[in-house]
Amino acid sequence: EDFAHHPTAIRVTLEAIRERWPRRR
């Protein structure tokens, strides 16, 4: 769960999720 609700915050949060779990959907 994340509080992100602005396009920039959504983008960087998703990038961080991808970085943390690089091989998961």
PDB file of all heavy atoms in Angstrom:
ATOM      1  N   GLU A   1       0.844  -1.192   0.000  1.00  0.00           N
ATOM      2  CA  GLU A   1       0.000   0.000   0.000  1.00  0.00           C
ATOM      3  C   GLU A   1       0.880   1.242   0.000  1.00  0.00           C
ATOM      4  O   GLU A   1       1.897   1.296   0.688  1.00  0.00           O
ATOM      5  CB  GLU A   1      -0.920   0.025   1.224  1.00  0.00           C
ATOM      6  CG  GLU A   1      -1.875   1.213   1.227  1.00  0.00           C
ATOM      7  CD  GLU A   1      -2.777   1.245   2.450  1.00  0.00           C
ATOM      8  OE1 GLU A   1      -2.402   0.647   3.477  1.00  0.00           O
ATOM      9  OE2 GLU A   1      -3.847   1.868   2.378  1.00  0.00           O
ATOM     10  N   ASP A   2       0.466   2.253  -0.774  1.00  0.00           N
ATOM     11  CA  ASP A   2       1.183   3.524  -0.789  1.00  0.00           C
ATOM     12  C   ASP A   2       0.182   4.665  -0.924  1.00  0.00           C
ATOM     13  O   ASP A   2      -0.890   4.509  -1.508  1.00  0.00           O
ATOM     14  CB  ASP A   2       2.201   3.576  -1.936  1.00  0.00           C
ATOM     15  CG  ASP A   2       3.236   4.672  -1.732  1.00  0.00           C
ATOM     16  OD1 ASP A   2       2.973   5.829  -2.105  1.00  0.00           O
ATOM     17  OD2 ASP A   2       4.321   4.369  -1.204  1.00  0.00           O
ATOM     18  N   PHE A   3       0.579   5.816  -0.390  1.00  0.00           N
ATOM     19  CA  PHE A   3      -0.270   7.006  -0.336  1.00  0.00           C
ATOM     20  C   PHE A   3      -0.271   7.783  -1.658  1.00  0.00           C
ATOM     21  O   PHE A   3      -1.000   8.760  -1.799  1.00  0.00           O
ATOM     22  CB  PHE A   3       0.247   7.899   0.797  1.00  0.00           C
ATOM     23  CG  PHE A   3      -0.693   8.967   1.256  1.00  0.00           C
ATOM     24  CD1 PHE A   3      -1.827   8.651   1.986  1.00  0.00           C
ATOM     25  CD2 PHE A   3      -0.443  10.305   0.986  1.00  0.00           C
ATOM     26  CE1 PHE A   3      -2.690   9.644   2.440  1.00  0.00           C
ATOM     27  CE2 PHE A   3      -1.296  11.307   1.432  1.00  0.00           C
ATOM     28  CZ  PHE A   3      -2.424  10.964   2.153  1.00  0.00           C
ATOM     29  N   ALA A   4       0.555   7.381  -2.611  1.00  0.00           N
ATOM     30  CA  ALA A   4       0.755   8.160  -3.837  1.00  0.00           C
ATOM     31  C   ALA A   4      -0.567   8.469  -4.535  1.00  0.00           C
ATOM     32  O   ALA A   4      -1.377   7.579  -4.780  1.00  0.00           O
ATOM     33  CB  ALA A   4       1.674   7.414  -4.791  1.00  0.00           C
ATOM     34  N   HIS A   5      -0.768   9.770  -4.882  1.00  0.00           N
ATOM     35  CA  HIS A   5      -2.007  10.171  -5.548  1.00  0.00           C
ATOM     36  C   HIS A   5      -1.771  11.312  -6.533  1.00  0.00           C
ATOM     37  O   HIS A   5      -2.712  11.985  -6.930  1.00  0.00           O
ATOM     38  CB  HIS A   5      -3.053  10.584  -4.507  1.00  0.00           C
ATOM     39  CG  HIS A   5      -2.600  11.657  -3.560  1.00  0.00           C
ATOM     40  ND1 HIS A   5      -1.900  11.367  -2.421  1.00  0.00           N
ATOM     41  CD2 HIS A   5      -2.731  13.000  -3.589  1.00  0.00           C
ATOM     42  CE1 HIS A   5      -1.619  12.493  -1.776  1.00  0.00           C
ATOM     43  NE2 HIS A   5      -2.114  13.505  -2.475  1.00  0.00           N
ATOM     44  N   HIS A   6      -0.527  11.503  -6.933  1.00  0.00           N
ATOM     45  CA  HIS A   6      -0.153  12.519  -7.917  1.00  0.00           C
ATOM     46  C   HIS A   6       0.653  11.782  -8.979  1.00  0.00           C
ATOM     47  O   HIS A   6       1.382  10.833  -8.670  1.00  0.00           O
ATOM     48  CB  HIS A   6       0.694  13.592  -7.220  1.00  0.00           C
ATOM     49  CG  HIS A   6       1.143  14.715  -8.106  1.00  0.00           C
ATOM     50  ND1 HIS A   6       2.162  14.570  -9.029  1.00  0.00           N
ATOM     51  CD2 HIS A   6       0.736  16.011  -8.199  1.00  0.00           C
ATOM     52  CE1 HIS A   6       2.352  15.727  -9.648  1.00  0.00           C
ATOM     53  NE2 HIS A   6       1.497  16.612  -9.164  1.00  0.00           N
ATOM     54  N   PRO A   7       0.536  12.142 -10.269  1.00  0.00           N
ATOM     55  CA  PRO A   7       1.232  11.386 -11.314  1.00  0.00           C
ATOM     56  C   PRO A   7       2.710  11.150 -11.037  1.00  0.00           C
ATOM     57  O   PRO A   7       3.222  10.040 -11.255  1.00  0.00           O
ATOM     58  CB  PRO A   7       1.025  12.244 -12.565  1.00  0.00           C
ATOM     59  CG  PRO A   7      -0.269  12.939 -12.316  1.00  0.00           C
ATOM     60  CD  PRO A   7      -0.300  13.218 -10.835  1.00  0.00           C
ATOM     61  N   THR A   8       3.422  12.154 -10.561  1.00  0.00           N
ATOM     62  CA  THR A   8       4.848  11.969 -10.286  1.00  0.00           C
ATOM     63  C   THR A   8       5.053  10.950  -9.175  1.00  0.00           C
ATOM     64  O   THR A   8       5.923  10.075  -9.271  1.00  0.00           O
ATOM     65  CB  THR A   8       5.506  13.306  -9.899  1.00  0.00           C
ATOM     66  OG1 THR A   8       5.365  14.219 -10.988  1.00  0.00           O
ATOM     67  CG2 THR A   8       6.977  13.125  -9.578  1.00  0.00           C
ATOM     68  N   ALA A   9       4.273  11.060  -8.115  1.00  0.00           N
ATOM     69  CA  ALA A   9       4.403  10.121  -6.998  1.00  0.00           C
ATOM     70  C   ALA A   9       4.061   8.701  -7.427  1.00  0.00           C
ATOM     71  O   ALA A   9       4.714   7.735  -7.004  1.00  0.00           O
ATOM     72  CB  ALA A   9       3.511  10.559  -5.843  1.00  0.00           C
ATOM     73  N   ILE A  10       3.047   8.546  -8.275  1.00  0.00           N
ATOM     74  CA  ILE A  10       2.692   7.215  -8.775  1.00  0.00           C
ATOM     75  C   ILE A  10       3.847   6.635  -9.589  1.00  0.00           C
ATOM     76  O   ILE A  10       4.245   5.477  -9.408  1.00  0.00           O
ATOM     77  CB  ILE A  10       1.414   7.294  -9.633  1.00  0.00           C
ATOM     78  CG1 ILE A  10       0.218   7.670  -8.753  1.00  0.00           C
ATOM     79  CG2 ILE A  10       1.153   5.964 -10.349  1.00  0.00           C
ATOM     80  CD1 ILE A  10      -1.033   8.031  -9.540  1.00  0.00           C
ATOM     81  N   ARG A  11       4.417   7.456 -10.461  1.00  0.00           N
ATOM     82  CA  ARG A  11       5.507   6.980 -11.322  1.00  0.00           C
ATOM     83  C   ARG A  11       6.710   6.528 -10.512  1.00  0.00           C
ATOM     84  O   ARG A  11       7.232   5.425 -10.712  1.00  0.00           O
ATOM     85  CB  ARG A  11       5.911   8.087 -12.303  1.00  0.00           C
ATOM     86  CG  ARG A  11       7.113   7.723 -13.178  1.00  0.00           C
ATOM     87  CD  ARG A  11       7.453   8.836 -14.149  1.00  0.00           C
ATOM     88  NE  ARG A  11       7.699  10.100 -13.486  1.00  0.00           N
ATOM     89  CZ  ARG A  11       8.850  10.418 -12.868  1.00  0.00           C
ATOM     90  NH1 ARG A  11       9.844   9.531 -12.811  1.00  0.00           N
ATOM     91  NH2 ARG A  11       9.006  11.600 -12.310  1.00  0.00           N
ATOM     92  N   VAL A  12       7.162   7.366  -9.573  1.00  0.00           N
ATOM     93  CA  VAL A  12       8.381   7.011  -8.829  1.00  0.00           C
ATOM     94  C   VAL A  12       8.124   5.844  -7.873  1.00  0.00           C
ATOM     95  O   VAL A  12       9.035   5.042  -7.609  1.00  0.00           O
ATOM     96  CB  VAL A  12       8.972   8.228  -8.085  1.00  0.00           C
ATOM     97  CG1 VAL A  12       9.383   9.308  -9.077  1.00  0.00           C
ATOM     98  CG2 VAL A  12       8.028   8.785  -7.023  1.00  0.00           C
ATOM     99  N   THR A  13       6.900   5.725  -7.365  1.00  0.00           N
ATOM    100  CA  THR A  13       6.580   4.585  -6.503  1.00  0.00           C
ATOM    101  C   THR A  13       6.616   3.288  -7.301  1.00  0.00           C
ATOM    102  O   THR A  13       7.182   2.283  -6.847  1.00  0.00           O
ATOM    103  CB  THR A  13       5.201   4.772  -5.845  1.00  0.00           C
ATOM    104  OG1 THR A  13       5.224   5.961  -5.054  1.00  0.00           O
ATOM    105  CG2 THR A  13       4.848   3.583  -4.971  1.00  0.00           C
ATOM    106  N   LEU A  14       6.037   3.306  -8.492  1.00  0.00           N
ATOM    107  CA  LEU A  14       6.073   2.112  -9.347  1.00  0.00           C
ATOM    108  C   LEU A  14       7.506   1.762  -9.757  1.00  0.00           C
ATOM    109  O   LEU A  14       7.875   0.587  -9.821  1.00  0.00           O
ATOM    110  CB  LEU A  14       5.193   2.324 -10.578  1.00  0.00           C
ATOM    111  CG  LEU A  14       3.709   2.023 -10.357  1.00  0.00           C
ATOM    112  CD1 LEU A  14       2.868   2.630 -11.475  1.00  0.00           C
ATOM    113  CD2 LEU A  14       3.484   0.517 -10.285  1.00  0.00           C
ATOM    114  N   GLU A  15       8.308   2.777 -10.025  1.00  0.00           N
ATOM    115  CA  GLU A  15       9.716   2.513 -10.355  1.00  0.00           C
ATOM    116  C   GLU A  15      10.433   1.857  -9.179  1.00  0.00           C
ATOM    117  O   GLU A  15      11.267   0.960  -9.363  1.00  0.00           O
ATOM    118  CB  GLU A  15      10.410   3.816 -10.761  1.00  0.00           C
ATOM    119  CG  GLU A  15       9.959   4.352 -12.109  1.00  0.00           C
ATOM    120  CD  GLU A  15      10.475   5.750 -12.405  1.00  0.00           C
ATOM    121  OE1 GLU A  15      11.091   6.370 -11.505  1.00  0.00           O
ATOM    122  OE2 GLU A  15      10.255   6.234 -13.537  1.00  0.00           O
ATOM    123  N   ALA A  16      10.125   2.306  -7.960  1.00  0.00           N
ATOM    124  CA  ALA A  16      10.739   1.715  -6.773  1.00  0.00           C
ATOM    125  C   ALA A  16      10.259   0.278  -6.551  1.00  0.00           C
ATOM    126  O   ALA A  16      11.048  -0.599  -6.149  1.00  0.00           O
ATOM    127  CB  ALA A  16      10.431   2.565  -5.543  1.00  0.00           C
ATOM    128  N   ILE A  17       8.976   0.015  -6.822  1.00  0.00           N
ATOM    129  CA  ILE A  17       8.454  -1.345  -6.717  1.00  0.00           C
ATOM    130  C   ILE A  17       9.160  -2.255  -7.726  1.00  0.00           C
ATOM    131  O   ILE A  17       9.563  -3.380  -7.403  1.00  0.00           O
ATOM    132  CB  ILE A  17       6.927  -1.364  -6.959  1.00  0.00           C
ATOM    133  CG1 ILE A  17       6.188  -0.630  -5.820  1.00  0.00           C
ATOM    134  CG2 ILE A  17       6.414  -2.790  -7.116  1.00  0.00           C
ATOM    135  CD1 ILE A  17       6.167  -1.358  -4.509  1.00  0.00           C
ATOM    136  N   ARG A  18       9.328  -1.760  -8.949  1.00  0.00           N
ATOM    137  CA  ARG A  18      10.033  -2.541  -9.959  1.00  0.00           C
ATOM    138  C   ARG A  18      11.485  -2.804  -9.550  1.00  0.00           C
ATOM    139  O   ARG A  18      12.015  -3.897  -9.736  1.00  0.00           O
ATOM    140  CB  ARG A  18       9.982  -1.802 -11.305  1.00  0.00           C
ATOM    141  CG  ARG A  18      10.882  -2.364 -12.398  1.00  0.00           C
ATOM    142  CD  ARG A  18      10.577  -3.832 -12.714  1.00  0.00           C
ATOM    143  NE  ARG A  18       9.272  -3.992 -13.312  1.00  0.00           N
ATOM    144  CZ  ARG A  18       8.403  -4.936 -12.953  1.00  0.00           C
ATOM    145  NH1 ARG A  18       8.695  -5.793 -11.984  1.00  0.00           N
ATOM    146  NH2 ARG A  18       7.227  -5.030 -13.537  1.00  0.00           N
ATOM    147  N   GLU A  19      12.108  -1.807  -8.939  1.00  0.00           N
ATOM    148  CA  GLU A  19      13.494  -1.966  -8.480  1.00  0.00           C
ATOM    149  C   GLU A  19      13.588  -3.005  -7.370  1.00  0.00           C
ATOM    150  O   GLU A  19      14.524  -3.809  -7.318  1.00  0.00           O
ATOM    151  CB  GLU A  19      14.024  -0.614  -7.991  1.00  0.00           C
ATOM    152  CG  GLU A  19      15.490  -0.611  -7.608  1.00  0.00           C
ATOM    153  CD  GLU A  19      15.951   0.778  -7.220  1.00  0.00           C
ATOM    154  OE1 GLU A  19      16.356   1.553  -8.112  1.00  0.00           O
ATOM    155  OE2 GLU A  19      15.893   1.101  -6.013  1.00  0.00           O
ATOM    156  N   ARG A  20      12.612  -2.995  -6.475  1.00  0.00           N
ATOM    157  CA  ARG A  20      12.646  -3.937  -5.353  1.00  0.00           C
ATOM    158  C   ARG A  20      12.325  -5.359  -5.792  1.00  0.00           C
ATOM    159  O   ARG A  20      12.908  -6.319  -5.285  1.00  0.00           O
ATOM    160  CB  ARG A  20      11.645  -3.487  -4.280  1.00  0.00           C
ATOM    161  CG  ARG A  20      11.691  -4.352  -3.038  1.00  0.00           C
ATOM    162  CD  ARG A  20      10.838  -3.807  -1.928  1.00  0.00           C
ATOM    163  NE  ARG A  20      11.020  -4.580  -0.704  1.00  0.00           N
ATOM    164  CZ  ARG A  20      10.365  -4.340   0.423  1.00  0.00           C
ATOM    165  NH1 ARG A  20       9.494  -3.348   0.490  1.00  0.00           N
ATOM    166  NH2 ARG A  20      10.575  -5.096   1.492  1.00  0.00           N
ATOM    167  N   TRP A  21      11.368  -5.517  -6.723  1.00  0.00           N
ATOM    168  CA  TRP A  21      10.982  -6.836  -7.204  1.00  0.00           C
ATOM    169  C   TRP A  21      11.120  -6.865  -8.726  1.00  0.00           C
ATOM    170  O   TRP A  21      10.120  -6.839  -9.457  1.00  0.00           O
ATOM    171  CB  TRP A  21       9.543  -7.149  -6.789  1.00  0.00           C
ATOM    172  CG  TRP A  21       9.385  -7.364  -5.314  1.00  0.00           C
ATOM    173  CD1 TRP A  21       9.888  -8.397  -4.570  1.00  0.00           C
ATOM    174  CD2 TRP A  21       8.652  -6.535  -4.389  1.00  0.00           C
ATOM    175  NE1 TRP A  21       9.530  -8.264  -3.251  1.00  0.00           N
ATOM    176  CE2 TRP A  21       8.764  -7.143  -3.100  1.00  0.00           C
ATOM    177  CE3 TRP A  21       7.923  -5.363  -4.520  1.00  0.00           C
ATOM    178  CZ2 TRP A  21       8.174  -6.596  -1.963  1.00  0.00           C
ATOM    179  CZ3 TRP A  21       7.335  -4.824  -3.394  1.00  0.00           C
ATOM    180  CH2 TRP A  21       7.454  -5.422  -2.130  1.00  0.00           C
ATOM    181  N   PRO A  22      12.346  -6.929  -9.242  1.00  0.00           N
ATOM    182  CA  PRO A  22      12.577  -6.742 -10.681  1.00  0.00           C
ATOM    183  C   PRO A  22      12.000  -7.832 -11.574  1.00  0.00           C
ATOM    184  O   PRO A  22      11.768  -7.598 -12.763  1.00  0.00           O
ATOM    185  CB  PRO A  22      14.105  -6.703 -10.780  1.00  0.00           C
ATOM    186  CG  PRO A  22      14.602  -7.400  -9.557  1.00  0.00           C
ATOM    187  CD  PRO A  22      13.602  -7.112  -8.487  1.00  0.00           C
ATOM    188  N   ARG A  23      11.736  -9.013 -11.028  1.00  0.00           N
ATOM    189  CA  ARG A  23      11.281 -10.122 -11.891  1.00  0.00           C
ATOM    190  C   ARG A  23       9.837 -10.526 -11.595  1.00  0.00           C
ATOM    191  O   ARG A  23       9.398 -11.584 -12.019  1.00  0.00           O
ATOM    192  CB  ARG A  23      12.211 -11.323 -11.707  1.00  0.00           C
ATOM    193  CG  ARG A  23      13.598 -11.104 -12.330  1.00  0.00           C
ATOM    194  CD  ARG A  23      14.547 -12.244 -12.044  1.00  0.00           C
ATOM    195  NE  ARG A  23      14.928 -12.273 -10.641  1.00  0.00           N
ATOM    196  CZ  ARG A  23      15.875 -11.508 -10.118  1.00  0.00           C
ATOM    197  NH1 ARG A  23      16.541 -10.665 -10.887  1.00  0.00           N
ATOM    198  NH2 ARG A  23      16.171 -11.582  -8.839  1.00  0.00           N
ATOM    199  N   ARG A  24       9.103  -9.657 -10.883  1.00  0.00           N
ATOM    200  CA  ARG A  24       7.720  -9.993 -10.550  1.00  0.00           C
ATOM    201  C   ARG A  24       6.749  -9.059 -11.261  1.00  0.00           C
ATOM    202  O   ARG A  24       7.055  -7.899 -11.517  1.00  0.00           O
ATOM    203  CB  ARG A  24       7.521  -9.934  -9.031  1.00  0.00           C
ATOM    204  CG  ARG A  24       8.382 -10.965  -8.300  1.00  0.00           C
ATOM    205  CD  ARG A  24       8.309 -10.810  -6.789  1.00  0.00           C
ATOM    206  NE  ARG A  24       6.996 -11.137  -6.260  1.00  0.00           N
ATOM    207  CZ  ARG A  24       6.708 -11.160  -4.953  1.00  0.00           C
ATOM    208  NH1 ARG A  24       7.659 -10.885  -4.070  1.00  0.00           N
ATOM    209  NH2 ARG A  24       5.491 -11.461  -4.540  1.00  0.00           N
ATOM    210  N   ARG A  25       5.581  -9.597 -11.592  1.00  0.00           N
ATOM    211  CA  ARG A  25       4.563  -8.823 -12.289  1.00  0.00           C
ATOM    212  C   ARG A  25       3.870  -7.877 -11.302  1.00  0.00           C
ATOM    213  O   ARG A  25       3.632  -8.233 -10.144  1.00  0.00           O
ATOM    214  CB  ARG A  25       3.545  -9.775 -12.921  1.00  0.00           C
ATOM    215  CG  ARG A  25       2.783  -9.208 -14.102  1.00  0.00           C
ATOM    216  CD  ARG A  25       1.977 -10.299 -14.769  1.00  0.00           C
ATOM    217  NE  ARG A  25       0.951 -10.816 -13.870  1.00  0.00           N
ATOM    218  CZ  ARG A  25      -0.349 -10.941 -14.177  1.00  0.00           C
ATOM    219  NH1 ARG A  25      -0.767 -10.568 -15.373  1.00  0.00           N
ATOM    220  NH2 ARG A  25      -1.193 -11.439 -13.322  1.00  0.00           N
TER     221      ARG A  25
END
